[in-house]
Amino acid sequence: MFLLLGVSFFVPKFSSARKWLGVSLIFAPVIYFFLILDAHLVNIPFTDDFNLLETVYNYQQAPDFPSKIKVLFEQVNQHRFAFERIVMLVMVFFTGTVNIKTQIILGNLALLGMAYLLFKSLKKENLSFLYFIPVPYLLFSLVYWENAYWGIAALQNTPLIFFAFLTAYAVGQGDNRGFYFGILAALLTTFTSGSGLLAWIIGIIILLFQKRYKLLGGWLVAAAGVILFYFLFDYQVVAATGEKAWAHPLYNFIFVLGFWGNGLYLDVRHPLVSQFQPDLVACVLLGGLIFLLFLGWSLRILTRQKLVWSDWFLWGAMMFSMGTGAMFVISRPLNNYFMFGGNMFSRRYMIFGAALLAVAYVCLILLVKNRQMVRKWIAVLMGIGFVTLNFVSYYSSIVQIRKMHDDLVIDSYHWKNYSTFLTAGDLFGDIPFWNHPTRMKNLVSNLESSGLTDFYQFNTLPPHRELIAKTDTRSEFRGDFNATFHYRNTDNNIPTKYYRLMVTPPAGSAKPSYFILSSDTLNLVLPAVPMPNKFADFLKTGSYYSNTSRYGLFNLKLPKGEFRVYILSQTGGDWKSEFTGKRVVIN
């Protein structure tokens, strides 16, 4: 379609199709983003999702209105997740349960709101909608796959950015209606995540530069009331530990540039090494360019004689995304070069970089609005870049979503049989809530009995002690199995043994579903996640997945001992296991 769109500018008979080609190119990434999510999402809570579910349960059990309000605004670290809880409570009101899959889809719908506001900004300047085409390829990508797939993250970070953008959009309108709508949007931003407090500061700055001092006074009063409630109503100060960001100003200035440019943070391992890693250098350079663009847009605000709402909106959108990055760096400063890698941030934070880059693109197009040839080349080159980034994100990260899906499906089995979670903790036996002896057990029981979750819906395997006896076919597995280990840095940058299991079934046989590590006392079930084809094989076969499956994890997350290895697959609804003839030793 991109080629046809390009041809339409040179071949007159194709010009009539240009509009529909453009519309199709805009909606294509949106459609396949949600289709791929829908294919992989499961209604199973993941780590911090249990925290929100606990407060929903506590809200139901609260004896009176003041107690319910206290639960609704309960503090989690520095956050007050009132918006997320309200969404879940509305879900319970209409359906009687909390569906994590629905929750994730609802959260990701905020991307449509962000895209619409950016589209309106281009249309406000009377530019063709074709300049908008690159934006959805950036916003609707898997650059931030963890945020797109995780219940609490999807319902927190994505609406947070949208509400902040909505605040800047409303206040930028320059009328009383926009002012009151801006206050409502700022309230939603504040009680979606802690960094939402920035929305009030952005409103102050916009109103101050607009010289609307009367409304500025009203905004300050509203902000003061919200901030007092935020920090005085049942709030405990979380003491900061460790070094301060200003102890290493150069390192942390580079870090914040890296955060602003994290849309280029590839989905590959970044071990802590004493040399610069190329994609991290690219993040810093992109962040520096975005910073220069922000300064240029600020100069436009100061010097342009007639400003319109889109000027204020884009300025506020950049301030929020950049301010969130600055807050992140202040809370988690570095004492070394960002480009060396290490445990800096997880992939859910890439949503902020993607949103900021989308805003920066629109700002750049508007800055060169009167230079037609430059504007077109920027749109073409950045469009190619965003489409490439979109493809790379899907190619590298679909398997990550598949792994998360398979881990969550088996999580209830791990909890019921081993009293631990595959998806949580660093050690075998770890459980959420800091290994509290009864809290998680009671919570799961309460959530199941109240109908808030359906945690055991995929728990179809026999109990682990009976698993081999009930599934063993007494025949040996005829495919290829291999187990290896090497040393890999953990999230805390400590070199640790990392085990990898790989299996390729014989032609025509059922695909493996699980590995079983079997000893006299334990049968441990681990997912067999399909491996992506190498890029050359992907182009040759047209298939994303190869015939080989694997699973890897640190030895800390495994029980110690010698284990026989079985391959478990499902045929006609029946589970069948086959012995590989091999053993692995975990130590």
Protein backbone atom coordinates (compact mmCIF):
# COMPACT_ATOMS: atom_id res chain seq x y z
CA MET A 1 0.00 0.00 0.00
CA PHE A 2 2.91 2.34 0.67
CA LEU A 3 4.18 1.74 -2.86
CA LEU A 4 0.73 2.38 -4.32
CA LEU A 5 0.44 5.57 -2.30
CA GLY A 6 3.78 6.73 -3.67
CA VAL A 7 2.75 5.82 -7.21
CA SER A 8 -0.45 7.87 -6.83
CA PHE A 9 1.62 11.06 -6.75
CA PHE A 10 3.21 10.29 -10.12
CA VAL A 11 0.54 8.37 -12.04
CA PRO A 12 -2.66 10.44 -12.49
CA LYS A 13 -5.01 7.45 -12.80
CA PHE A 14 -4.04 6.33 -9.26
CA SER A 15 -4.62 9.75 -7.67
CA SER A 16 -8.30 9.01 -7.01
CA ALA A 17 -7.27 6.09 -4.77
CA ARG A 18 -4.86 8.20 -2.69
CA LYS A 19 -7.38 9.08 0.01
CA TRP A 20 -8.45 5.48 0.60
CA LEU A 21 -4.88 4.22 0.52
CA GLY A 22 -3.97 6.81 3.15
CA VAL A 23 -6.91 5.88 5.37
CA SER A 24 -6.07 2.18 5.02
CA LEU A 25 -2.44 2.82 5.97
CA ILE A 26 -3.56 4.72 9.07
CA PHE A 27 -5.90 2.00 10.31
CA ALA A 28 -3.79 -1.04 9.36
CA PRO A 29 -1.36 -0.85 12.35
CA VAL A 30 -4.26 -0.17 14.73
CA ILE A 31 -6.15 -3.25 13.58
CA TYR A 32 -3.26 -5.71 13.70
CA PHE A 33 -2.10 -4.30 17.05
CA PHE A 34 -5.40 -5.20 18.69
CA LEU A 35 -5.74 -8.49 16.77
CA ILE A 36 -2.34 -9.68 17.99
CA LEU A 37 -3.11 -8.60 21.54
CA ASP A 38 -6.48 -10.35 21.46
CA ALA A 39 -4.84 -13.57 20.26
CA HIS A 40 -2.41 -13.63 23.19
CA LEU A 41 -4.27 -12.10 26.13
CA VAL A 42 -5.57 -14.29 28.95
CA ASN A 43 -7.78 -13.43 31.88
CA ILE A 44 -5.11 -14.20 34.48
CA PRO A 45 -3.66 -11.65 36.95
CA PHE A 46 0.07 -10.92 36.82
CA THR A 47 2.05 -9.78 39.92
CA ASP A 48 0.83 -6.24 40.77
CA ASP A 49 -2.60 -7.01 39.30
CA PHE A 50 -3.24 -8.92 42.53
CA ASN A 51 -2.69 -5.72 44.51
CA LEU A 52 -5.50 -3.94 42.68
CA LEU A 53 -7.74 -7.00 42.90
CA GLU A 54 -7.14 -7.07 46.64
CA THR A 55 -8.34 -3.48 46.99
CA VAL A 56 -11.43 -4.25 44.89
CA TYR A 57 -12.21 -7.13 47.24
CA ASN A 58 -11.55 -4.91 50.27
CA TYR A 59 -13.85 -2.25 48.80
CA GLN A 60 -16.64 -4.81 48.58
CA GLN A 61 -16.05 -5.83 52.19
CA ALA A 62 -15.74 -2.28 53.55
CA PRO A 63 -18.50 -1.66 56.13
CA ASP A 64 -19.26 2.02 55.40
CA PHE A 65 -18.72 4.88 52.97
CA PRO A 66 -15.61 6.38 54.65
CA SER A 67 -13.97 2.95 54.63
CA LYS A 68 -14.76 2.54 50.93
CA ILE A 69 -13.24 5.95 50.12
CA LYS A 70 -10.12 4.99 52.06
CA VAL A 71 -9.79 1.78 50.02
CA LEU A 72 -10.49 3.59 46.74
CA PHE A 73 -7.62 6.04 47.28
CA GLU A 74 -5.30 3.59 49.03
CA GLN A 75 -1.64 4.44 48.51
CA VAL A 76 0.66 2.10 46.55
CA ASN A 77 4.22 3.39 46.78
CA GLN A 78 3.74 7.05 45.73
CA HIS A 79 0.64 6.31 43.63
CA ARG A 80 -3.08 6.44 44.26
CA PHE A 81 -4.74 4.18 41.70
CA ALA A 82 -8.29 5.51 42.06
CA PHE A 83 -8.97 5.56 38.31
CA GLU A 84 -7.87 1.94 37.86
CA ARG A 85 -9.99 0.81 40.80
CA ILE A 86 -13.04 2.68 39.52
CA VAL A 87 -12.71 0.97 36.12
CA MET A 88 -12.49 -2.43 37.83
CA LEU A 89 -15.44 -1.66 40.11
CA VAL A 90 -17.55 -0.60 37.13
CA MET A 91 -16.60 -3.91 35.49
CA VAL A 92 -17.71 -5.76 38.63
CA PHE A 93 -20.98 -3.79 38.73
CA PHE A 94 -21.93 -4.84 35.19
CA THR A 95 -20.41 -8.34 35.00
CA GLY A 96 -19.81 -9.47 38.58
CA THR A 97 -16.12 -10.08 37.91
CA VAL A 98 -12.87 -8.43 36.82
CA ASN A 99 -11.75 -9.54 33.38
CA ILE A 100 -8.04 -8.76 33.00
CA LYS A 101 -8.24 -9.16 29.22
CA THR A 102 -11.01 -6.56 28.98
CA GLN A 103 -9.07 -4.32 31.36
CA ILE A 104 -6.01 -4.43 29.09
CA ILE A 105 -8.02 -3.68 25.95
CA LEU A 106 -9.72 -0.73 27.68
CA GLY A 107 -6.36 0.66 28.77
CA ASN A 108 -4.90 0.37 25.28
CA LEU A 109 -7.88 2.21 23.81
CA ALA A 110 -6.29 5.36 25.26
CA LEU A 111 -3.81 5.08 22.37
CA LEU A 112 -6.68 6.00 20.06
CA GLY A 113 -7.25 9.14 22.11
CA MET A 114 -3.59 10.13 21.88
CA ALA A 115 -3.56 9.51 18.14
CA TYR A 116 -6.73 11.56 17.64
CA LEU A 117 -5.31 14.58 19.49
CA LEU A 118 -2.15 14.46 17.38
CA PHE A 119 -4.26 14.12 14.23
CA LYS A 120 -6.30 17.18 15.23
CA SER A 121 -3.10 19.15 15.74
CA LEU A 122 -2.04 18.52 12.14
CA LYS A 123 -5.51 19.34 10.81
CA LYS A 124 -5.56 22.58 12.83
CA GLU A 125 -2.60 23.74 10.74
CA ASN A 126 -4.42 22.75 7.53
CA LEU A 127 -1.97 19.99 6.65
CA SER A 128 -2.96 16.91 4.68
CA PHE A 129 -3.98 13.89 6.75
CA LEU A 130 -1.28 11.96 4.89
CA TYR A 131 1.30 13.54 7.20
CA PHE A 132 -0.36 11.64 10.04
CA ILE A 133 0.33 8.20 8.51
CA PRO A 134 3.66 7.59 10.38
CA VAL A 135 2.12 8.24 13.83
CA PRO A 136 0.05 5.03 14.29
CA TYR A 137 3.03 2.89 13.22
CA LEU A 138 4.87 4.25 16.24
CA LEU A 139 2.02 4.38 18.76
CA PHE A 140 0.56 0.97 17.85
CA SER A 141 3.76 -1.04 17.98
CA LEU A 142 5.24 -3.55 20.41
CA VAL A 143 8.13 -1.28 21.39
CA TYR A 144 6.45 -1.20 24.82
CA TRP A 145 4.96 -4.72 24.68
CA GLU A 146 5.04 -5.22 28.46
CA ASN A 147 2.86 -2.14 28.95
CA ALA A 148 0.46 -3.27 26.24
CA TYR A 149 0.07 -6.77 27.73
CA TRP A 150 0.12 -6.25 31.51
CA GLY A 151 -3.20 -5.45 33.18
CA ILE A 152 -2.16 -2.78 35.66
CA ALA A 153 0.39 -1.21 33.27
CA ALA A 154 -2.08 -0.97 30.38
CA LEU A 155 -4.68 0.62 32.65
CA GLN A 156 -2.15 2.94 34.30
CA ASN A 157 0.49 4.27 31.93
CA THR A 158 -1.49 4.52 28.70
CA PRO A 159 -4.53 6.36 30.13
CA LEU A 160 -2.10 8.46 32.22
CA ILE A 161 -0.46 9.84 29.07
CA PHE A 162 -3.82 10.34 27.36
CA PHE A 163 -5.30 12.20 30.34
CA ALA A 164 -2.20 14.41 30.57
CA PHE A 165 -2.46 15.16 26.84
CA LEU A 166 -6.16 15.87 27.34
CA THR A 167 -5.31 18.32 30.14
CA ALA A 168 -2.94 20.27 27.87
CA TYR A 169 -5.47 20.14 25.03
CA ALA A 170 -8.31 21.46 27.19
CA VAL A 171 -6.34 24.24 28.90
CA GLY A 172 -4.86 25.21 25.54
CA GLN A 173 -8.35 25.95 24.16
CA GLY A 174 -8.23 29.34 25.90
CA ASP A 175 -11.84 29.43 27.11
CA ASN A 176 -13.76 28.72 30.31
CA ARG A 177 -15.12 25.43 29.03
CA GLY A 178 -11.62 24.19 28.32
CA PHE A 179 -10.51 25.35 31.76
CA TYR A 180 -13.10 23.26 33.60
CA PHE A 181 -12.56 20.30 31.30
CA GLY A 182 -8.83 20.66 31.98
CA ILE A 183 -9.40 20.45 35.74
CA LEU A 184 -11.38 17.22 35.26
CA ALA A 185 -8.64 15.78 33.03
CA ALA A 186 -5.95 16.80 35.54
CA LEU A 187 -7.89 15.04 38.31
CA LEU A 188 -8.00 11.85 36.24
CA THR A 189 -4.28 12.16 35.50
CA THR A 190 -3.44 12.66 39.18
CA PHE A 191 -5.36 9.64 40.40
CA THR A 192 -4.09 7.36 37.64
CA SER A 193 -0.41 7.54 38.62
CA GLY A 194 1.86 9.62 40.83
CA SER A 195 3.51 11.46 37.94
CA GLY A 196 0.03 12.72 37.04
CA LEU A 197 0.65 15.58 39.48
CA LEU A 198 2.71 17.09 36.66
CA ALA A 199 -0.57 17.89 34.89
CA TRP A 200 -1.23 20.67 37.40
CA ILE A 201 2.20 22.19 36.81
CA ILE A 202 1.69 22.07 33.05
CA GLY A 203 -1.69 23.78 33.44
CA ILE A 204 -0.06 26.52 35.53
CA ILE A 205 2.63 27.12 32.90
CA ILE A 206 0.15 27.26 30.00
CA LEU A 207 -2.25 29.61 31.81
CA LEU A 208 0.65 31.82 32.90
CA PHE A 209 1.98 32.18 29.36
CA GLN A 210 -1.56 32.74 28.08
CA LYS A 211 -1.82 35.57 30.65
CA ARG A 212 -5.18 34.28 31.88
CA TYR A 213 -4.45 35.24 35.45
CA LYS A 214 -8.00 34.94 36.79
CA LEU A 215 -8.30 31.36 35.62
CA LEU A 216 -4.75 30.74 36.80
CA GLY A 217 -5.89 31.66 40.31
CA GLY A 218 -8.73 29.15 40.09
CA TRP A 219 -6.33 26.51 38.78
CA LEU A 220 -3.94 27.12 41.68
CA VAL A 221 -6.78 26.75 44.20
CA ALA A 222 -7.90 23.47 42.60
CA ALA A 223 -4.32 22.21 42.43
CA ALA A 224 -3.70 23.08 46.08
CA GLY A 225 -6.84 21.22 47.16
CA VAL A 226 -5.95 18.11 45.18
CA ILE A 227 -2.33 18.10 46.35
CA LEU A 228 -3.34 18.53 50.00
CA PHE A 229 -5.77 15.62 49.70
CA TYR A 230 -3.16 13.53 47.89
CA PHE A 231 -0.48 13.92 50.55
CA LEU A 232 -2.57 14.31 53.71
CA PHE A 233 -5.35 11.73 53.30
CA ASP A 234 -4.02 8.46 54.74
CA TYR A 235 -0.58 8.98 53.15
CA GLN A 236 2.78 7.66 54.29
CA VAL A 237 5.94 9.27 52.99
CA VAL A 238 8.14 6.77 51.16
CA ALA A 239 11.68 7.59 52.20
CA ALA A 240 14.18 7.86 49.35
CA THR A 241 17.29 5.73 49.72
CA GLY A 242 20.56 5.63 47.84
CA GLU A 243 22.36 8.35 45.94
CA LYS A 244 20.73 11.49 44.61
CA ALA A 245 20.59 12.30 40.92
CA TRP A 246 22.65 15.45 41.40
CA ALA A 247 25.53 13.43 42.86
CA HIS A 248 26.37 12.46 39.25
CA PRO A 249 24.85 15.24 37.12
CA LEU A 250 26.48 14.22 33.83
CA TYR A 251 25.51 10.55 34.09
CA ASN A 252 21.93 11.39 34.98
CA PHE A 253 21.56 14.09 32.33
CA ILE A 254 22.60 11.43 29.81
CA PHE A 255 20.18 9.02 31.49
CA VAL A 256 17.25 11.40 31.09
CA LEU A 257 18.17 11.91 27.43
CA GLY A 258 18.17 8.12 27.09
CA PHE A 259 14.72 7.92 28.67
CA TRP A 260 13.34 10.58 26.32
CA GLY A 261 14.71 8.63 23.36
CA ASN A 262 13.81 5.16 24.63
CA GLY A 263 11.58 4.53 21.63
CA LEU A 264 14.79 3.13 20.09
CA TYR A 265 15.53 0.85 23.08
CA LEU A 266 15.63 -2.53 21.35
CA ASP A 267 14.04 -5.62 22.87
CA VAL A 268 17.38 -7.35 23.42
CA ARG A 269 19.46 -8.02 26.51
CA HIS A 270 21.52 -5.09 27.79
CA PRO A 271 24.07 -6.60 30.20
CA LEU A 272 26.20 -4.15 32.17
CA VAL A 273 29.46 -3.88 30.23
CA SER A 274 32.24 -1.30 30.03
CA GLN A 275 31.48 -0.32 26.44
CA PHE A 276 28.71 1.66 24.79
CA GLN A 277 25.84 -0.36 23.31
CA PRO A 278 24.66 0.94 19.91
CA ASP A 279 20.92 1.17 20.55
CA LEU A 280 21.51 2.91 23.88
CA VAL A 281 23.72 5.47 22.14
CA ALA A 282 20.88 5.95 19.64
CA CYS A 283 18.45 6.53 22.53
CA VAL A 284 20.66 9.28 23.96
CA LEU A 285 21.13 10.95 20.58
CA LEU A 286 17.39 10.84 19.89
CA GLY A 287 16.70 12.23 23.36
CA GLY A 288 19.12 15.08 22.66
CA LEU A 289 17.36 15.89 19.38
CA ILE A 290 13.98 15.84 21.14
CA PHE A 291 15.37 18.21 23.79
CA LEU A 292 16.55 20.62 21.07
CA LEU A 293 13.14 20.36 19.40
CA PHE A 294 11.47 21.17 22.72
CA LEU A 295 13.64 24.28 23.03
CA GLY A 296 12.68 25.23 19.47
CA TRP A 297 8.98 24.76 20.23
CA SER A 298 9.33 26.81 23.42
CA LEU A 299 10.91 29.59 21.34
CA ARG A 300 7.92 29.37 19.00
CA ILE A 301 5.60 29.84 21.99
CA LEU A 302 7.56 32.93 23.07
CA THR A 303 7.90 34.57 19.66
CA ARG A 304 4.85 33.62 17.60
CA GLN A 305 2.35 36.46 17.50
CA LYS A 306 -0.79 34.36 17.19
CA LEU A 307 -0.88 31.05 19.01
CA VAL A 308 -3.57 28.40 18.56
CA TRP A 309 -4.62 25.55 20.84
CA SER A 310 -2.39 23.04 19.03
CA ASP A 311 0.71 25.09 19.98
CA TRP A 312 -0.20 24.86 23.67
CA PHE A 313 -1.28 21.23 23.46
CA LEU A 314 1.93 20.00 21.83
CA TRP A 315 4.02 22.04 24.26
CA GLY A 316 2.16 20.57 27.22
CA ALA A 317 2.34 17.03 25.80
CA MET A 318 6.10 17.32 25.44
CA MET A 319 6.45 18.78 28.94
CA PHE A 320 4.54 15.90 30.49
CA SER A 321 6.43 13.13 28.69
CA MET A 322 9.78 14.78 29.37
CA GLY A 323 8.83 15.60 32.96
CA THR A 324 7.89 11.97 33.59
CA GLY A 325 11.33 10.95 32.35
CA ALA A 326 12.98 13.47 34.66
CA MET A 327 10.96 12.16 37.63
CA PHE A 328 11.97 8.61 36.76
CA VAL A 329 15.67 9.52 36.70
CA ILE A 330 15.41 11.43 39.99
CA SER A 331 13.85 8.39 41.65
CA ARG A 332 16.33 5.89 40.15
CA PRO A 333 19.59 7.73 39.41
CA LEU A 334 22.64 6.16 37.80
CA ASN A 335 26.27 6.45 38.81
CA ASN A 336 27.60 5.35 35.43
CA TYR A 337 26.97 5.82 31.73
CA PHE A 338 23.48 4.84 30.59
CA MET A 339 25.06 3.43 27.42
CA PHE A 340 26.87 0.72 29.43
CA GLY A 341 23.52 -1.03 29.92
CA GLY A 342 22.33 -2.90 32.99
CA ASN A 343 19.03 -2.96 34.85
CA MET A 344 17.69 0.53 34.07
CA PHE A 345 14.03 0.25 33.12
CA SER A 346 11.59 -2.37 31.93
CA ARG A 347 9.81 -2.31 28.61
CA ARG A 348 6.61 -0.81 29.96
CA TYR A 349 8.37 2.57 30.19
CA MET A 350 8.88 2.62 26.41
CA ILE A 351 5.28 3.85 26.10
CA PHE A 352 6.49 7.26 27.30
CA GLY A 353 9.28 7.33 24.73
CA ALA A 354 6.93 6.27 21.93
CA ALA A 355 4.37 8.93 22.87
CA LEU A 356 7.06 11.62 23.14
CA LEU A 357 8.54 10.68 19.76
CA ALA A 358 5.09 10.84 18.14
CA VAL A 359 4.56 14.34 19.58
CA ALA A 360 8.06 15.37 18.47
CA TYR A 361 7.31 14.22 14.92
CA VAL A 362 4.15 16.35 14.75
CA CYS A 363 6.02 19.35 16.20
CA LEU A 364 8.79 18.97 13.63
CA ILE A 365 6.31 18.82 10.75
CA LEU A 366 4.63 22.01 12.01
CA LEU A 367 7.94 23.81 12.52
CA VAL A 368 8.81 23.31 8.84
CA LYS A 369 5.24 23.81 7.66
CA ASN A 370 6.17 26.58 5.23
CA ARG A 371 9.05 24.61 3.68
CA GLN A 372 7.10 22.18 1.57
CA MET A 373 9.95 20.08 0.20
CA VAL A 374 11.66 19.78 3.61
CA ARG A 375 8.33 18.88 5.20
CA LYS A 376 7.70 16.11 2.68
CA TRP A 377 11.16 14.63 3.05
CA ILE A 378 10.87 14.64 6.85
CA ALA A 379 7.51 12.86 6.61
CA VAL A 380 8.88 10.25 4.20
CA LEU A 381 12.10 9.57 6.10
CA MET A 382 10.48 9.47 9.54
CA GLY A 383 7.65 7.41 8.10
CA ILE A 384 10.16 4.84 6.85
CA GLY A 385 11.83 4.90 10.26
CA PHE A 386 8.58 4.41 12.18
CA VAL A 387 7.40 1.59 9.90
CA THR A 388 10.78 -0.11 10.27
CA LEU A 389 10.63 0.28 14.05
CA ASN A 390 7.10 -1.12 14.00
CA PHE A 391 8.22 -4.22 12.07
CA VAL A 392 11.29 -4.76 14.26
CA SER A 393 9.17 -4.47 17.40
CA TYR A 394 6.74 -7.14 16.21
CA TYR A 395 9.47 -9.44 14.93
CA SER A 396 11.45 -9.28 18.18
CA SER A 397 8.60 -9.07 20.70
CA ILE A 398 5.72 -11.30 19.59
CA VAL A 399 7.63 -14.21 21.11
CA GLN A 400 7.85 -12.26 24.39
CA ILE A 401 4.08 -11.91 24.46
CA ARG A 402 3.74 -15.61 23.63
CA LYS A 403 6.06 -16.48 26.51
CA MET A 404 4.08 -14.26 28.89
CA HIS A 405 0.88 -15.95 27.71
CA ASP A 406 2.28 -19.43 28.31
CA ASP A 407 3.70 -18.47 31.71
CA LEU A 408 0.36 -17.07 32.87
CA VAL A 409 -1.55 -20.12 31.65
CA ILE A 410 0.59 -22.43 33.82
CA ASP A 411 0.80 -20.01 36.78
CA SER A 412 -2.23 -21.39 38.59
CA TYR A 413 -0.79 -24.91 38.29
CA HIS A 414 2.45 -23.72 39.88
CA TRP A 415 0.53 -22.03 42.67
CA LYS A 416 -1.69 -25.04 43.38
CA ASN A 417 1.10 -27.61 43.18
CA TYR A 418 4.28 -25.81 44.26
CA SER A 419 2.87 -22.85 46.27
CA THR A 420 4.80 -20.43 44.08
CA PHE A 421 4.42 -18.49 40.84
CA LEU A 422 6.39 -18.95 37.65
CA THR A 423 5.85 -15.25 36.84
CA ALA A 424 6.86 -13.75 40.19
CA GLY A 425 9.93 -13.76 42.40
CA ASP A 426 13.61 -14.49 41.90
CA LEU A 427 13.71 -17.81 43.79
CA PHE A 428 11.81 -21.06 43.46
CA GLY A 429 9.17 -20.81 46.18
CA ASP A 430 8.85 -17.01 46.11
CA ILE A 431 5.33 -15.59 46.28
CA PRO A 432 3.97 -12.04 45.88
CA PHE A 433 3.66 -9.68 48.85
CA TRP A 434 7.22 -10.26 49.99
CA ASN A 435 6.72 -13.97 50.78
CA HIS A 436 4.11 -13.31 53.45
CA PRO A 437 3.10 -16.76 54.77
CA THR A 438 -0.68 -16.39 54.37
CA ARG A 439 -1.58 -13.17 52.52
CA MET A 440 -1.39 -14.55 48.98
CA LYS A 441 -3.10 -17.82 49.90
CA ASN A 442 -5.98 -15.96 51.55
CA LEU A 443 -6.19 -13.45 48.70
CA VAL A 444 -6.47 -16.10 45.96
CA SER A 445 -9.09 -17.92 48.02
CA ASN A 446 -11.09 -14.72 48.58
CA LEU A 447 -10.88 -13.65 44.93
CA GLU A 448 -12.04 -17.06 43.72
CA SER A 449 -14.87 -17.39 46.23
CA SER A 450 -16.15 -13.88 45.46
CA GLY A 451 -16.02 -14.49 41.70
CA LEU A 452 -13.60 -11.63 41.04
CA THR A 453 -11.18 -13.96 39.25
CA ASP A 454 -11.16 -17.28 37.42
CA PHE A 455 -7.58 -18.07 38.31
CA TYR A 456 -7.77 -21.85 37.85
CA GLN A 457 -9.49 -21.86 34.44
CA PHE A 458 -6.44 -23.41 32.71
CA ASN A 459 -5.58 -25.86 35.48
CA THR A 460 -6.31 -29.02 33.48
CA LEU A 461 -3.17 -31.06 34.21
CA PRO A 462 -3.14 -33.84 36.83
CA PRO A 463 -1.53 -32.93 40.19
CA HIS A 464 2.24 -32.90 39.90
CA ARG A 465 2.77 -36.06 41.97
CA GLU A 466 0.43 -37.98 39.63
CA LEU A 467 1.46 -36.24 36.41
CA ILE A 468 3.87 -38.84 35.02
CA ALA A 469 1.78 -41.80 36.18
CA LYS A 470 -1.31 -40.44 34.41
CA THR A 471 0.31 -39.19 31.20
CA ASP A 472 3.36 -41.40 30.52
CA THR A 473 2.98 -43.28 27.22
CA ARG A 474 5.93 -45.58 28.11
CA SER A 475 7.48 -44.68 24.75
CA GLU A 476 10.64 -42.67 24.30
CA PHE A 477 10.53 -39.23 22.72
CA ARG A 478 11.97 -39.48 19.19
CA GLY A 479 12.63 -35.80 18.59
CA ASP A 480 15.68 -33.77 19.57
CA PHE A 481 16.10 -32.47 23.11
CA ASN A 482 18.97 -30.49 24.50
CA ALA A 483 19.69 -28.71 27.78
CA THR A 484 22.47 -26.17 28.26
CA PHE A 485 23.50 -23.56 30.76
CA HIS A 486 25.66 -20.47 30.69
CA TYR A 487 26.24 -17.50 32.95
CA ARG A 488 24.01 -14.48 32.45
CA ASN A 489 23.57 -11.32 34.48
CA THR A 490 20.38 -11.16 36.52
CA ASP A 491 18.33 -7.96 36.75
CA ASN A 492 20.70 -6.99 39.56
CA ASN A 493 23.70 -7.52 37.24
CA ILE A 494 24.96 -10.57 39.14
CA PRO A 495 26.39 -13.34 36.90
CA THR A 496 24.22 -16.41 37.53
CA LYS A 497 23.67 -19.80 35.90
CA TYR A 498 20.99 -19.64 33.23
CA TYR A 499 19.47 -22.93 32.01
CA ARG A 500 17.90 -23.37 28.59
CA LEU A 501 15.81 -26.35 27.46
CA MET A 502 15.21 -26.89 23.73
CA VAL A 503 13.10 -29.43 21.89
CA THR A 504 12.34 -30.20 18.24
CA PRO A 505 9.59 -32.79 17.73
CA PRO A 506 9.74 -35.40 14.96
CA ALA A 507 7.93 -34.50 11.75
CA GLY A 508 4.19 -35.04 11.87
CA SER A 509 3.95 -35.31 15.67
CA ALA A 510 2.11 -33.05 18.10
CA LYS A 511 3.85 -29.84 19.10
CA PRO A 512 5.32 -29.93 22.61
CA SER A 513 3.36 -27.96 25.20
CA TYR A 514 5.57 -28.40 28.27
CA PHE A 515 8.84 -29.71 29.61
CA ILE A 516 8.58 -31.85 32.75
CA LEU A 517 11.55 -32.02 35.10
CA SER A 518 10.83 -35.17 37.08
CA SER A 519 12.41 -36.43 40.30
CA ASP A 520 11.21 -38.83 42.99
CA THR A 521 9.53 -35.98 44.91
CA LEU A 522 8.68 -33.35 42.30
CA ASN A 523 7.40 -33.05 38.74
CA LEU A 524 8.07 -29.46 37.62
CA VAL A 525 6.15 -28.24 34.56
CA LEU A 526 7.69 -25.52 32.36
CA PRO A 527 6.24 -24.10 29.11
CA ALA A 528 7.72 -25.05 25.73
CA VAL A 529 7.60 -21.70 23.93
CA PRO A 530 7.99 -21.79 20.12
CA MET A 531 11.17 -20.14 18.84
CA PRO A 532 10.95 -17.51 16.10
CA ASN A 533 12.60 -18.31 12.80
CA LYS A 534 15.78 -16.50 11.94
CA PHE A 535 15.06 -13.54 9.69
CA ALA A 536 16.31 -15.29 6.54
CA ASP A 537 14.14 -18.34 7.31
CA PHE A 538 11.21 -16.05 8.11
CA LEU A 539 11.48 -14.51 4.64
CA LYS A 540 11.94 -17.92 3.02
CA THR A 541 9.08 -19.75 4.76
CA GLY A 542 6.72 -16.88 5.54
CA SER A 543 6.32 -18.38 9.02
CA TYR A 544 7.20 -16.49 12.18
CA TYR A 545 7.76 -19.57 14.37
CA SER A 546 10.17 -22.42 13.76
CA ASN A 547 9.55 -26.06 14.69
CA THR A 548 11.74 -25.75 17.79
CA SER A 549 10.49 -24.76 21.24
CA ARG A 550 12.51 -23.68 24.24
CA TYR A 551 12.38 -22.30 27.74
CA GLY A 552 15.04 -20.58 29.78
CA LEU A 553 15.36 -19.36 33.35
CA PHE A 554 17.93 -18.77 36.07
CA ASN A 555 18.92 -21.63 38.35
CA LEU A 556 17.64 -19.56 41.30
CA LYS A 557 14.12 -20.05 39.94
CA LEU A 558 14.55 -23.84 39.80
CA PRO A 559 14.60 -26.50 42.54
CA LYS A 560 17.96 -28.18 43.03
CA GLY A 561 18.60 -31.80 42.14
CA GLU A 562 18.77 -34.31 39.29
CA PHE A 563 15.72 -34.54 37.04
CA ARG A 564 14.52 -36.82 34.26
CA VAL A 565 13.17 -34.78 31.34
CA TYR A 566 9.80 -35.57 29.75
CA ILE A 567 8.04 -33.79 26.90
CA LEU A 568 4.33 -33.19 27.49
CA SER A 569 1.96 -32.63 24.57
CA GLN A 570 -1.78 -32.67 24.03
CA THR A 571 -3.48 -34.89 21.46
CA GLY A 572 -7.25 -34.95 21.07
CA GLY A 573 -7.71 -33.34 24.46
CA ASP A 574 -5.53 -35.93 26.24
CA TRP A 575 -2.18 -35.12 27.82
CA LYS A 576 0.67 -37.44 26.89
CA SER A 577 4.25 -37.38 28.16
CA GLU A 578 7.31 -39.06 26.65
CA PHE A 579 10.67 -39.59 28.31
CA THR A 580 13.56 -38.00 26.41
CA GLY A 581 16.07 -40.46 27.82
CA LYS A 582 18.02 -37.54 29.26
CA ARG A 583 18.55 -36.03 32.68
CA VAL A 584 19.54 -32.56 33.83
CA VAL A 585 21.26 -31.55 37.04
CA ILE A 586 20.27 -28.21 38.57
CA ASN A 587 22.75 -26.77 41.06
